[in-house]
Amino acid sequence: MINQLDLTEDHVARATRAVEKDLSLSKYTPATETDFDRMTERVLSGRPAGPIKIFAYGSLIWKPTFEATGRQVARAQGWHREFSMIMRGFRGTPEAPGLMMTMMSGGQCRGVSFEIDEREAEDTVRNLVERELPFVETGDDYRWIDLTTENGREKALVFWAGPTGEGIARGLPPAEAAQMIARACGWLGSNAEYLRNTILSLEEHDIHDARLWQLQRLVAAEIDRIFPKS
């Protein structure tokens, strides 16, 4: 049974507003079809033997872009979830940037390992690259990492593990991260919705992330403060 979240659907509604899609606001270069083809080829060139596995630790759990032939809970040792990537688009704006989750070094991260049908492997990875790496400058932000599952060890493709650069704010205090998340909303929706959906999808797989539970309490309180009920 999933515990009751402080961050409710009502909080998400209060934090949500209409935002027009505008990729031109990004300082990065939107990738072209040719760029995506090249990125996909590069990703697949490093694949291990056997079926392709995709490690999902956030939105890919509750909003995948593919049909999986199997799934199981997996642990990535030496990594943890962290809201550390500053978003000025998607679920934020330049005026009220949000935060996207990445995996950062240290600790452990439990998520879901999806197995991909070999016949769909190239198309699946191509779609994931287009979703996760939309800009030329982000084309290398993926890894093949080691996972531990109940069936043993495996390698899986993961996006945004250990990113660096000026758009990364590692180690933000939870209160500061909550202030950003509570205010952020972009054309894909609110940052609060992203947090809430991630926690719910993790709990459905019996994965409890104490950091995210602490963060959702802070975000709910901040939304109550800045967007009070009318």
C-alpha atoms as a PDB file:
ATOM      1  CA  MET A   1       0.000   0.000   0.000  1.00  0.00           C
ATOM      2  CA  ILE A   2       1.341   3.411  -1.021  1.00  0.00           C
ATOM      3  CA  ASN A   3       1.628   5.896   1.814  1.00  0.00           C
ATOM      4  CA  GLN A   4      -0.202   9.185   1.490  1.00  0.00           C
ATOM      5  CA  LEU A   5       1.835  11.883  -0.198  1.00  0.00           C
ATOM      6  CA  ASP A   6       1.849  15.420   1.178  1.00  0.00           C
ATOM      7  CA  LEU A   7       2.201  16.559  -2.438  1.00  0.00           C
ATOM      8  CA  THR A   8      -1.337  16.037  -3.713  1.00  0.00           C
ATOM      9  CA  GLU A   9      -3.017  16.415  -7.094  1.00  0.00           C
ATOM     10  CA  ASP A  10      -4.375  19.711  -5.808  1.00  0.00           C
ATOM     11  CA  HIS A  11      -0.838  20.962  -5.177  1.00  0.00           C
ATOM     12  CA  VAL A  12       0.118  19.964  -8.716  1.00  0.00           C
ATOM     13  CA  ALA A  13      -2.913  21.800 -10.113  1.00  0.00           C
ATOM     14  CA  ARG A  14      -2.010  24.970  -8.222  1.00  0.00           C
ATOM     15  CA  ALA A  15       1.562  24.808  -9.525  1.00  0.00           C
ATOM     16  CA  THR A  16       0.482  24.259 -13.139  1.00  0.00           C
ATOM     17  CA  ARG A  17      -0.004  26.983 -15.731  1.00  0.00           C
ATOM     18  CA  ALA A  18      -0.137  27.145 -19.519  1.00  0.00           C
ATOM     19  CA  VAL A  19       3.290  27.602 -21.087  1.00  0.00           C
ATOM     20  CA  GLU A  20       3.908  27.730 -24.817  1.00  0.00           C
ATOM     21  CA  LYS A  21       6.478  25.332 -26.235  1.00  0.00           C
ATOM     22  CA  ASP A  22       9.564  27.233 -27.390  1.00  0.00           C
ATOM     23  CA  LEU A  23      12.802  25.287 -27.824  1.00  0.00           C
ATOM     24  CA  SER A  24      14.515  28.434 -29.095  1.00  0.00           C
ATOM     25  CA  LEU A  25      14.826  29.598 -25.481  1.00  0.00           C
ATOM     26  CA  SER A  26      17.546  27.009 -24.936  1.00  0.00           C
ATOM     27  CA  LYS A  27      21.172  28.025 -25.298  1.00  0.00           C
ATOM     28  CA  TYR A  28      21.840  24.604 -26.804  1.00  0.00           C
ATOM     29  CA  THR A  29      21.574  23.526 -30.448  1.00  0.00           C
ATOM     30  CA  PRO A  30      18.498  21.399 -31.247  1.00  0.00           C
ATOM     31  CA  ALA A  31      19.601  18.074 -32.730  1.00  0.00           C
ATOM     32  CA  THR A  32      18.563  17.251 -36.279  1.00  0.00           C
ATOM     33  CA  GLU A  33      17.400  13.891 -37.619  1.00  0.00           C
ATOM     34  CA  THR A  34      20.948  13.301 -38.836  1.00  0.00           C
ATOM     35  CA  ASP A  35      22.299  14.121 -35.375  1.00  0.00           C
ATOM     36  CA  PHE A  36      19.898  11.655 -33.754  1.00  0.00           C
ATOM     37  CA  ASP A  37      20.935   8.945 -36.226  1.00  0.00           C
ATOM     38  CA  ARG A  38      24.597   9.505 -35.351  1.00  0.00           C
ATOM     39  CA  MET A  39      23.896   9.533 -31.609  1.00  0.00           C
ATOM     40  CA  THR A  40      21.942   6.284 -31.915  1.00  0.00           C
ATOM     41  CA  GLU A  41      24.766   4.609 -33.809  1.00  0.00           C
ATOM     42  CA  ARG A  42      27.244   5.742 -31.148  1.00  0.00           C
ATOM     43  CA  VAL A  43      25.065   4.471 -28.297  1.00  0.00           C
ATOM     44  CA  LEU A  44      24.539   1.085 -29.931  1.00  0.00           C
ATOM     45  CA  SER A  45      28.236   0.717 -30.746  1.00  0.00           C
ATOM     46  CA  GLY A  46      28.899   0.280 -27.021  1.00  0.00           C
ATOM     47  CA  ARG A  47      26.114  -2.177 -26.282  1.00  0.00           C
ATOM     48  CA  PRO A  48      26.967  -5.370 -24.395  1.00  0.00           C
ATOM     49  CA  ALA A  49      26.161  -8.828 -25.697  1.00  0.00           C
ATOM     50  CA  GLY A  50      22.633 -10.085 -25.221  1.00  0.00           C
ATOM     51  CA  PRO A  51      19.278  -8.314 -24.971  1.00  0.00           C
ATOM     52  CA  ILE A  52      19.331  -4.544 -24.502  1.00  0.00           C
ATOM     53  CA  LYS A  53      18.286  -3.399 -21.034  1.00  0.00           C
ATOM     54  CA  ILE A  54      17.169   0.145 -20.200  1.00  0.00           C
ATOM     55  CA  PHE A  55      17.535   1.372 -16.619  1.00  0.00           C
ATOM     56  CA  ALA A  56      14.723   3.714 -15.606  1.00  0.00           C
ATOM     57  CA  TYR A  57      15.015   5.699 -12.392  1.00  0.00           C
ATOM     58  CA  GLY A  58      12.557   8.543 -13.023  1.00  0.00           C
ATOM     59  CA  SER A  59      10.059   9.509 -15.695  1.00  0.00           C
ATOM     60  CA  LEU A  60      10.864   6.538 -17.937  1.00  0.00           C
ATOM     61  CA  ILE A  61       9.186   4.335 -15.331  1.00  0.00           C
ATOM     62  CA  TRP A  62       5.850   6.114 -15.582  1.00  0.00           C
ATOM     63  CA  LYS A  63       6.120   7.459 -19.125  1.00  0.00           C
ATOM     64  CA  PRO A  64       8.156   5.063 -21.264  1.00  0.00           C
ATOM     65  CA  THR A  65       8.489   5.494 -25.022  1.00  0.00           C
ATOM     66  CA  PHE A  66       8.665   1.777 -25.770  1.00  0.00           C
ATOM     67  CA  GLU A  67       7.098  -1.623 -25.191  1.00  0.00           C
ATOM     68  CA  ALA A  68       9.220  -3.812 -22.941  1.00  0.00           C
ATOM     69  CA  THR A  69       9.379  -7.598 -23.149  1.00  0.00           C
ATOM     70  CA  GLY A  70      10.246  -7.779 -19.454  1.00  0.00           C
ATOM     71  CA  ARG A  71      10.961  -5.687 -16.402  1.00  0.00           C
ATOM     72  CA  GLN A  72      12.436  -6.161 -12.968  1.00  0.00           C
ATOM     73  CA  VAL A  73      13.612  -4.053 -10.082  1.00  0.00           C
ATOM     74  CA  ALA A  74      17.348  -3.403 -10.262  1.00  0.00           C
ATOM     75  CA  ARG A  75      19.987  -1.647  -8.180  1.00  0.00           C
ATOM     76  CA  ALA A  76      22.730   0.607  -9.486  1.00  0.00           C
ATOM     77  CA  GLN A  77      25.429   0.585  -6.820  1.00  0.00           C
ATOM     78  CA  GLY A  78      27.452   3.771  -6.498  1.00  0.00           C
ATOM     79  CA  TRP A  79      24.690   6.056  -7.792  1.00  0.00           C
ATOM     80  CA  HIS A  80      21.743   7.938  -6.317  1.00  0.00           C
ATOM     81  CA  ARG A  81      18.869  10.045  -7.642  1.00  0.00           C
ATOM     82  CA  GLU A  82      19.283  13.772  -7.381  1.00  0.00           C
ATOM     83  CA  PHE A  83      17.369  16.777  -8.684  1.00  0.00           C
ATOM     84  CA  SER A  84      20.432  18.462 -10.098  1.00  0.00           C
ATOM     85  CA  MET A  85      19.875  19.492 -13.723  1.00  0.00           C
ATOM     86  CA  ILE A  86      18.541  23.017 -14.151  1.00  0.00           C
ATOM     87  CA  MET A  87      15.633  23.121 -16.621  1.00  0.00           C
ATOM     88  CA  ARG A  88      14.753  26.358 -18.395  1.00  0.00           C
ATOM     89  CA  GLY A  89      12.382  24.511 -20.694  1.00  0.00           C
ATOM     90  CA  PHE A  90      10.242  21.365 -20.668  1.00  0.00           C
ATOM     91  CA  ARG A  91       9.135  21.647 -17.002  1.00  0.00           C
ATOM     92  CA  GLY A  92      10.553  25.081 -16.303  1.00  0.00           C
ATOM     93  CA  THR A  93      11.113  28.485 -17.869  1.00  0.00           C
ATOM     94  CA  PRO A  94      14.024  30.951 -17.903  1.00  0.00           C
ATOM     95  CA  GLU A  95      12.126  33.043 -15.343  1.00  0.00           C
ATOM     96  CA  ALA A  96      11.363  30.087 -13.054  1.00  0.00           C
ATOM     97  CA  PRO A  97      13.749  27.238 -13.880  1.00  0.00           C
ATOM     98  CA  GLY A  98      13.029  23.784 -12.587  1.00  0.00           C
ATOM     99  CA  LEU A  99      15.143  20.743 -11.789  1.00  0.00           C
ATOM    100  CA  MET A 100      15.342  17.419 -13.552  1.00  0.00           C
ATOM    101  CA  MET A 101      16.545  14.238 -11.903  1.00  0.00           C
ATOM    102  CA  THR A 102      19.864  12.709 -12.797  1.00  0.00           C
ATOM    103  CA  MET A 103      21.917   9.966 -11.220  1.00  0.00           C
ATOM    104  CA  MET A 104      24.911  11.210  -9.278  1.00  0.00           C
ATOM    105  CA  SER A 105      27.784   9.241  -7.791  1.00  0.00           C
ATOM    106  CA  GLY A 106      27.492   7.841  -4.293  1.00  0.00           C
ATOM    107  CA  GLY A 107      25.041   5.568  -2.516  1.00  0.00           C
ATOM    108  CA  GLN A 108      22.702   3.341  -4.473  1.00  0.00           C
ATOM    109  CA  CYS A 109      19.748   3.775  -6.783  1.00  0.00           C
ATOM    110  CA  ARG A 110      16.950   1.262  -7.129  1.00  0.00           C
ATOM    111  CA  GLY A 111      14.924   1.519 -10.310  1.00  0.00           C
ATOM    112  CA  VAL A 112      13.436  -0.626 -13.054  1.00  0.00           C
ATOM    113  CA  SER A 113      15.360  -2.534 -15.707  1.00  0.00           C
ATOM    114  CA  PHE A 114      13.374  -2.920 -18.926  1.00  0.00           C
ATOM    115  CA  GLU A 115      14.284  -5.550 -21.514  1.00  0.00           C
ATOM    116  CA  ILE A 116      13.848  -4.562 -25.157  1.00  0.00           C
ATOM    117  CA  ASP A 117      12.826  -6.844 -28.006  1.00  0.00           C
ATOM    118  CA  GLU A 118      15.882  -7.266 -30.228  1.00  0.00           C
ATOM    119  CA  ARG A 119      13.738  -6.683 -33.319  1.00  0.00           C
ATOM    120  CA  GLU A 120      12.842  -3.237 -31.947  1.00  0.00           C
ATOM    121  CA  ALA A 121      16.238  -2.425 -30.466  1.00  0.00           C
ATOM    122  CA  GLU A 122      17.433   0.183 -32.958  1.00  0.00           C
ATOM    123  CA  ASP A 123      14.088   1.997 -33.164  1.00  0.00           C
ATOM    124  CA  THR A 124      13.703   1.927 -29.366  1.00  0.00           C
ATOM    125  CA  VAL A 125      17.138   3.388 -28.732  1.00  0.00           C
ATOM    126  CA  ARG A 126      16.583   5.970 -31.486  1.00  0.00           C
ATOM    127  CA  ASN A 127      13.346   7.120 -29.835  1.00  0.00           C
ATOM    128  CA  LEU A 128      15.017   7.262 -26.427  1.00  0.00           C
ATOM    129  CA  VAL A 129      17.914   9.296 -27.789  1.00  0.00           C
ATOM    130  CA  GLU A 130      15.481  11.770 -29.324  1.00  0.00           C
ATOM    131  CA  ARG A 131      13.607  12.082 -26.030  1.00  0.00           C
ATOM    132  CA  GLU A 132      16.536  12.157 -23.621  1.00  0.00           C
ATOM    133  CA  LEU A 133      19.254  13.886 -25.688  1.00  0.00           C
ATOM    134  CA  PRO A 134      17.423  16.578 -27.651  1.00  0.00           C
ATOM    135  CA  PHE A 135      20.426  18.843 -28.169  1.00  0.00           C
ATOM    136  CA  VAL A 136      23.735  18.398 -29.951  1.00  0.00           C
ATOM    137  CA  GLU A 137      25.653  19.343 -26.816  1.00  0.00           C
ATOM    138  CA  THR A 138      23.955  16.614 -24.737  1.00  0.00           C
ATOM    139  CA  GLY A 139      24.743  13.771 -27.122  1.00  0.00           C
ATOM    140  CA  ASP A 140      27.220  12.086 -24.775  1.00  0.00           C
ATOM    141  CA  ASP A 141      25.054  12.092 -21.650  1.00  0.00           C
ATOM    142  CA  TYR A 142      24.438   8.347 -21.484  1.00  0.00           C
ATOM    143  CA  ARG A 143      26.229   5.336 -20.007  1.00  0.00           C
ATOM    144  CA  TRP A 144      26.137   1.569 -20.003  1.00  0.00           C
ATOM    145  CA  ILE A 145      26.192   0.773 -16.277  1.00  0.00           C
ATOM    146  CA  ASP A 146      26.264  -2.355 -14.101  1.00  0.00           C
ATOM    147  CA  LEU A 147      23.055  -3.362 -12.356  1.00  0.00           C
ATOM    148  CA  THR A 148      22.223  -5.996  -9.786  1.00  0.00           C
ATOM    149  CA  THR A 149      18.898  -7.827 -10.057  1.00  0.00           C
ATOM    150  CA  GLU A 150      17.380 -10.919  -8.486  1.00  0.00           C
ATOM    151  CA  ASN A 151      18.643 -12.800 -11.541  1.00  0.00           C
ATOM    152  CA  GLY A 152      22.209 -11.584 -11.174  1.00  0.00           C
ATOM    153  CA  ARG A 153      24.256  -8.798 -12.738  1.00  0.00           C
ATOM    154  CA  GLU A 154      23.609  -7.120 -16.055  1.00  0.00           C
ATOM    155  CA  LYS A 155      24.544  -4.022 -18.024  1.00  0.00           C
ATOM    156  CA  ALA A 156      21.924  -1.460 -18.981  1.00  0.00           C
ATOM    157  CA  LEU A 157      21.678   1.797 -20.859  1.00  0.00           C
ATOM    158  CA  VAL A 158      20.959   4.818 -18.681  1.00  0.00           C
ATOM    159  CA  PHE A 159      20.701   8.495 -19.474  1.00  0.00           C
ATOM    160  CA  TRP A 160      21.998  11.396 -17.390  1.00  0.00           C
ATOM    161  CA  ALA A 161      24.297   9.560 -15.008  1.00  0.00           C
ATOM    162  CA  GLY A 162      27.000  11.836 -13.635  1.00  0.00           C
ATOM    163  CA  PRO A 163      26.459  14.868 -15.889  1.00  0.00           C
ATOM    164  CA  THR A 164      28.697  17.880 -15.465  1.00  0.00           C
ATOM    165  CA  GLY A 165      28.705  21.457 -16.685  1.00  0.00           C
ATOM    166  CA  GLU A 166      27.234  24.824 -15.873  1.00  0.00           C
ATOM    167  CA  GLY A 167      23.663  23.498 -16.044  1.00  0.00           C
ATOM    168  CA  ILE A 168      24.284  21.030 -13.221  1.00  0.00           C
ATOM    169  CA  ALA A 169      23.677  22.092  -9.617  1.00  0.00           C
ATOM    170  CA  ARG A 170      24.870  19.106  -7.608  1.00  0.00           C
ATOM    171  CA  GLY A 171      24.205  18.943  -3.898  1.00  0.00           C
ATOM    172  CA  LEU A 172      21.467  21.554  -3.667  1.00  0.00           C
ATOM    173  CA  PRO A 173      20.033  21.719  -0.134  1.00  0.00           C
ATOM    174  CA  PRO A 174      16.558  20.107  -0.132  1.00  0.00           C
ATOM    175  CA  ALA A 175      14.861  23.370   0.867  1.00  0.00           C
ATOM    176  CA  GLU A 176      16.464  25.212  -2.053  1.00  0.00           C
ATOM    177  CA  ALA A 177      15.551  22.450  -4.503  1.00  0.00           C
ATOM    178  CA  ALA A 178      11.961  22.486  -3.197  1.00  0.00           C
ATOM    179  CA  GLN A 179      11.664  26.226  -3.795  1.00  0.00           C
ATOM    180  CA  MET A 180      12.662  25.757  -7.428  1.00  0.00           C
ATOM    181  CA  ILE A 181      10.452  22.722  -8.027  1.00  0.00           C
ATOM    182  CA  ALA A 182       7.392  24.371  -6.455  1.00  0.00           C
ATOM    183  CA  ARG A 183       7.629  27.375  -8.797  1.00  0.00           C
ATOM    184  CA  ALA A 184       8.634  25.643 -12.021  1.00  0.00           C
ATOM    185  CA  CYS A 185       6.257  24.813 -14.837  1.00  0.00           C
ATOM    186  CA  GLY A 186       6.897  24.475 -18.569  1.00  0.00           C
ATOM    187  CA  TRP A 187       5.174  23.256 -21.670  1.00  0.00           C
ATOM    188  CA  LEU A 188       5.427  19.623 -20.479  1.00  0.00           C
ATOM    189  CA  GLY A 189       3.775  20.460 -17.155  1.00  0.00           C
ATOM    190  CA  SER A 190       4.840  21.348 -13.658  1.00  0.00           C
ATOM    191  CA  ASN A 191       8.007  20.215 -11.926  1.00  0.00           C
ATOM    192  CA  ALA A 192       5.836  19.203  -8.954  1.00  0.00           C
ATOM    193  CA  GLU A 193       3.930  16.758 -11.169  1.00  0.00           C
ATOM    194  CA  TYR A 194       7.219  15.216 -12.294  1.00  0.00           C
ATOM    195  CA  LEU A 195       8.233  14.654  -8.667  1.00  0.00           C
ATOM    196  CA  ARG A 196       4.863  13.267  -7.606  1.00  0.00           C
ATOM    197  CA  ASN A 197       4.572  10.864 -10.555  1.00  0.00           C
ATOM    198  CA  THR A 198       8.078   9.568  -9.970  1.00  0.00           C
ATOM    199  CA  ILE A 199       7.444   8.779  -6.306  1.00  0.00           C
ATOM    200  CA  LEU A 200       4.149   7.056  -7.084  1.00  0.00           C
ATOM    201  CA  SER A 201       5.680   4.931  -9.845  1.00  0.00           C
ATOM    202  CA  LEU A 202       8.580   3.927  -7.596  1.00  0.00           C
ATOM    203  CA  GLU A 203       6.223   2.917  -4.797  1.00  0.00           C
ATOM    204  CA  GLU A 204       4.257   0.771  -7.248  1.00  0.00           C
ATOM    205  CA  HIS A 205       7.470  -1.202  -7.688  1.00  0.00           C
ATOM    206  CA  ASP A 206       8.071  -1.322  -3.894  1.00  0.00           C
ATOM    207  CA  ILE A 207      10.893   1.202  -4.172  1.00  0.00           C
ATOM    208  CA  HIS A 208      10.981   3.796  -1.408  1.00  0.00           C
ATOM    209  CA  ASP A 209      13.332   6.740  -1.885  1.00  0.00           C
ATOM    210  CA  ALA A 210      13.585   8.620   1.413  1.00  0.00           C
ATOM    211  CA  ARG A 211      15.186  11.662  -0.238  1.00  0.00           C
ATOM    212  CA  LEU A 212      12.262  12.080  -2.605  1.00  0.00           C
ATOM    213  CA  TRP A 213       9.751  11.695   0.240  1.00  0.00           C
ATOM    214  CA  GLN A 214      11.483  14.434   2.185  1.00  0.00           C
ATOM    215  CA  LEU A 215      11.541  16.621  -0.929  1.00  0.00           C
ATOM    216  CA  GLN A 216       7.857  16.164  -1.703  1.00  0.00           C
ATOM    217  CA  ARG A 217       6.937  17.327   1.810  1.00  0.00           C
ATOM    218  CA  LEU A 218       8.996  20.476   1.324  1.00  0.00           C
ATOM    219  CA  VAL A 219       7.529  21.115  -2.138  1.00  0.00           C
ATOM    220  CA  ALA A 220       3.964  20.721  -0.854  1.00  0.00           C
ATOM    221  CA  ALA A 221       4.626  23.202   1.947  1.00  0.00           C
ATOM    222  CA  GLU A 222       6.202  25.674  -0.476  1.00  0.00           C
ATOM    223  CA  ILE A 223       3.257  25.444  -2.879  1.00  0.00           C
ATOM    224  CA  ASP A 224       0.897  26.086   0.052  1.00  0.00           C
ATOM    225  CA  ARG A 225       2.908  29.185   0.825  1.00  0.00           C
ATOM    226  CA  ILE A 226       3.231  30.702  -2.641  1.00  0.00           C
ATOM    227  CA  PHE A 227       0.045  29.361  -4.266  1.00  0.00           C
ATOM    228  CA  PRO A 228      -2.460  29.258  -1.397  1.00  0.00           C
ATOM    229  CA  LYS A 229      -5.909  27.826  -1.936  1.00  0.00           C
ATOM    230  CA  SER A 230      -8.428  30.478  -2.925  1.00  0.00           C
END
